[in-house]
Amino acid sequence: MTIPAKSVMTKDVVTVSPEATVAQIAKLMLARGVSAVPVVDAQKRPLGVVSEGDVLRHFGAEFQGKRAQWLRQLAEGEELSEQFLAAIGIDQRHARDLMHAPVLSAGEDASLAEIGDMMLKQKVKRVLILRDGVLVGIVSRADVVRAVVENLPDLLEPTS
């Protein structure tokens, strides 16, 4: 039994534009309960993906420590203005600055086995599903596991 991507993909995909800020992305992921968002252009063509890990990196101690070190060097002992600090704040980073590209994608008729293999080989948690280069869905590892469990009896039948 072959299970096509279009039968298990999430069709209502949460996306962001390349101009979305880190704060906007974080709030959207939290509100919609997703762990990553595709970054798309005006025609819904994928440009990249921003994950929770990408957002987290910019709030982590390592990033903040490096940021503070660079600011100290830039200031050369002088106090930096609040306006300047606000202008270079975390909210000024955009999806285009954080996203991973190119994206891993497949067509709607790609089999779940093919998608699973892609995820394992590329060490990713999701594959974007495209039709004529336009985003129409997303298949996550959870979608693959759910489809396997729901179709286990059919998948275990011997093929002739």
Protein backbone atom coordinates (compact mmCIF):
# COMPACT_ATOMS: atom_id res chain seq x y z
CA MET A 1 0.00 0.00 0.00
CA THR A 2 1.32 3.40 -0.98
CA ILE A 3 0.20 6.43 1.01
CA PRO A 4 0.57 9.72 -0.90
CA ALA A 5 1.63 12.94 0.81
CA LYS A 6 -1.62 14.67 -0.17
CA SER A 7 -3.60 12.24 2.00
CA VAL A 8 -1.71 13.05 5.21
CA MET A 9 -0.38 16.59 4.75
CA THR A 10 -1.55 19.58 6.74
CA LYS A 11 -3.22 21.84 4.20
CA ASP A 12 -3.75 24.90 6.38
CA VAL A 13 -0.05 25.75 6.65
CA VAL A 14 0.99 28.62 8.90
CA THR A 15 3.45 30.76 6.93
CA VAL A 16 5.34 34.02 7.32
CA SER A 17 6.80 36.58 4.95
CA PRO A 18 10.55 37.19 4.79
CA GLU A 19 9.93 40.49 6.63
CA ALA A 20 8.30 38.90 9.71
CA THR A 21 10.26 39.70 12.88
CA VAL A 22 11.57 37.13 15.35
CA ALA A 23 8.99 38.26 17.91
CA GLN A 24 6.14 37.96 15.38
CA ILE A 25 7.30 34.48 14.37
CA ALA A 26 7.60 33.32 17.99
CA LYS A 27 4.12 34.63 18.86
CA LEU A 28 2.59 33.02 15.76
CA MET A 29 4.18 29.62 16.42
CA LEU A 30 2.96 29.72 20.01
CA ALA A 31 -0.57 30.83 19.07
CA ARG A 32 -0.93 28.20 16.34
CA GLY A 33 0.86 25.39 18.16
CA VAL A 34 3.46 24.75 15.46
CA SER A 35 7.19 24.16 15.78
CA ALA A 36 8.22 25.76 12.48
CA VAL A 37 6.88 28.05 9.78
CA PRO A 38 7.69 28.16 6.09
CA VAL A 39 8.84 31.54 4.82
CA VAL A 40 7.02 32.25 1.57
CA ASP A 41 6.90 34.98 -1.05
CA ALA A 42 3.71 36.71 -2.21
CA GLN A 43 2.89 33.78 -4.55
CA LYS A 44 3.30 31.23 -1.69
CA ARG A 45 6.54 29.90 -3.13
CA PRO A 46 8.75 28.69 -0.27
CA LEU A 47 11.96 30.57 0.42
CA GLY A 48 12.99 28.86 3.66
CA VAL A 49 11.82 27.55 7.03
CA VAL A 50 12.17 29.06 10.52
CA SER A 51 11.96 26.57 13.40
CA GLU A 52 11.65 26.92 17.16
CA GLY A 53 15.37 26.19 17.36
CA ASP A 54 16.15 29.10 15.05
CA VAL A 55 14.11 31.44 17.23
CA LEU A 56 15.53 29.99 20.45
CA ARG A 57 19.11 30.55 19.28
CA HIS A 58 18.47 34.30 19.25
CA PHE A 59 17.23 34.31 22.83
CA GLY A 60 19.91 31.97 24.17
CA ALA A 61 22.78 32.94 26.45
CA GLU A 62 25.46 32.27 23.82
CA PHE A 63 23.88 34.66 21.31
CA GLN A 64 23.17 37.30 23.96
CA GLY A 65 26.75 37.04 25.27
CA LYS A 66 28.22 37.53 21.80
CA ARG A 67 25.83 40.44 21.21
CA ALA A 68 26.89 42.10 24.48
CA GLN A 69 30.59 41.61 23.63
CA TRP A 70 30.18 43.24 20.22
CA LEU A 71 28.24 46.14 21.74
CA ARG A 72 30.96 46.74 24.35
CA GLN A 73 33.60 46.83 21.61
CA LEU A 74 31.48 49.13 19.48
CA ALA A 75 30.85 51.52 22.39
CA GLU A 76 34.57 51.75 23.31
CA GLY A 77 33.62 52.64 26.89
CA GLU A 78 30.89 55.11 25.92
CA GLU A 79 27.24 54.55 26.82
CA LEU A 80 25.10 53.54 23.84
CA SER A 81 21.85 55.43 23.32
CA GLU A 82 18.53 53.74 24.05
CA GLN A 83 17.43 54.52 20.47
CA PHE A 84 20.43 52.68 19.07
CA LEU A 85 19.92 49.70 21.36
CA ALA A 86 16.23 49.54 20.39
CA ALA A 87 17.13 49.70 16.70
CA ILE A 88 19.40 46.66 16.95
CA GLY A 89 17.11 44.76 19.30
CA ILE A 90 16.03 41.16 18.82
CA ASP A 91 12.77 42.28 17.23
CA GLN A 92 14.73 43.81 14.36
CA ARG A 93 15.81 40.38 13.06
CA HIS A 94 13.62 39.00 10.29
CA ALA A 95 12.61 35.62 8.92
CA ARG A 96 14.98 36.11 6.00
CA ASP A 97 17.85 36.39 8.54
CA LEU A 98 16.94 33.20 10.40
CA MET A 99 15.48 30.84 7.84
CA HIS A 100 17.08 27.66 6.60
CA ALA A 101 17.20 27.42 2.84
CA PRO A 102 16.83 25.70 0.50
CA VAL A 103 13.76 23.90 1.75
CA LEU A 104 13.20 20.18 1.58
CA SER A 105 10.14 19.59 -0.56
CA ALA A 106 8.18 16.95 -2.42
CA GLY A 107 5.16 16.75 -4.67
CA GLU A 108 1.65 15.82 -3.54
CA ASP A 109 1.97 12.31 -4.95
CA ALA A 110 5.24 11.51 -3.20
CA SER A 111 4.80 8.43 -1.04
CA LEU A 112 5.02 8.50 2.71
CA ALA A 113 7.97 6.11 2.43
CA GLU A 114 9.80 8.59 0.19
CA ILE A 115 9.05 11.45 2.56
CA GLY A 116 10.15 9.41 5.56
CA ASP A 117 13.41 8.56 3.81
CA MET A 118 13.98 12.25 3.01
CA MET A 119 13.42 13.19 6.65
CA LEU A 120 15.85 10.56 7.89
CA LYS A 121 18.57 11.28 5.33
CA GLN A 122 18.36 15.06 5.67
CA LYS A 123 17.69 15.00 9.45
CA VAL A 124 14.63 17.25 9.21
CA LYS A 125 11.27 17.17 10.95
CA ARG A 126 9.08 18.32 8.09
CA VAL A 127 8.83 18.33 4.31
CA LEU A 128 7.02 21.04 2.39
CA ILE A 129 4.56 19.78 -0.21
CA LEU A 130 4.50 21.75 -3.45
CA ARG A 131 2.32 21.90 -6.55
CA ASP A 132 3.98 23.71 -9.45
CA GLY A 133 6.43 25.30 -7.00
CA VAL A 134 3.67 26.65 -4.76
CA LEU A 135 3.22 25.54 -1.13
CA VAL A 136 0.05 23.46 -0.72
CA GLY A 137 0.86 21.49 2.44
CA ILE A 138 3.39 20.22 4.93
CA VAL A 139 4.12 16.72 6.22
CA SER A 140 5.69 16.45 9.67
CA ARG A 141 7.21 13.44 11.38
CA ALA A 142 4.06 13.26 13.50
CA ASP A 143 1.96 13.06 10.31
CA VAL A 144 4.07 10.15 9.09
CA VAL A 145 3.79 8.29 12.41
CA ARG A 146 0.02 8.92 12.57
CA ALA A 147 -0.47 7.61 9.02
CA VAL A 148 1.59 4.50 9.75
CA VAL A 149 -0.41 3.72 12.90
CA GLU A 150 -3.75 4.32 11.16
CA ASN A 151 -2.77 2.11 8.20
CA LEU A 152 -0.70 -0.51 10.02
CA PRO A 153 -2.80 -3.54 9.01
CA ASP A 154 -2.62 -2.58 5.32
CA LEU A 155 1.06 -1.77 5.50
CA LEU A 156 1.88 -5.15 7.07
CA GLU A 157 0.12 -7.16 4.34
CA PRO A 158 2.57 -9.00 2.11
CA THR A 159 2.78 -7.69 -1.43
CA SER A 160 2.66 -10.09 -4.32
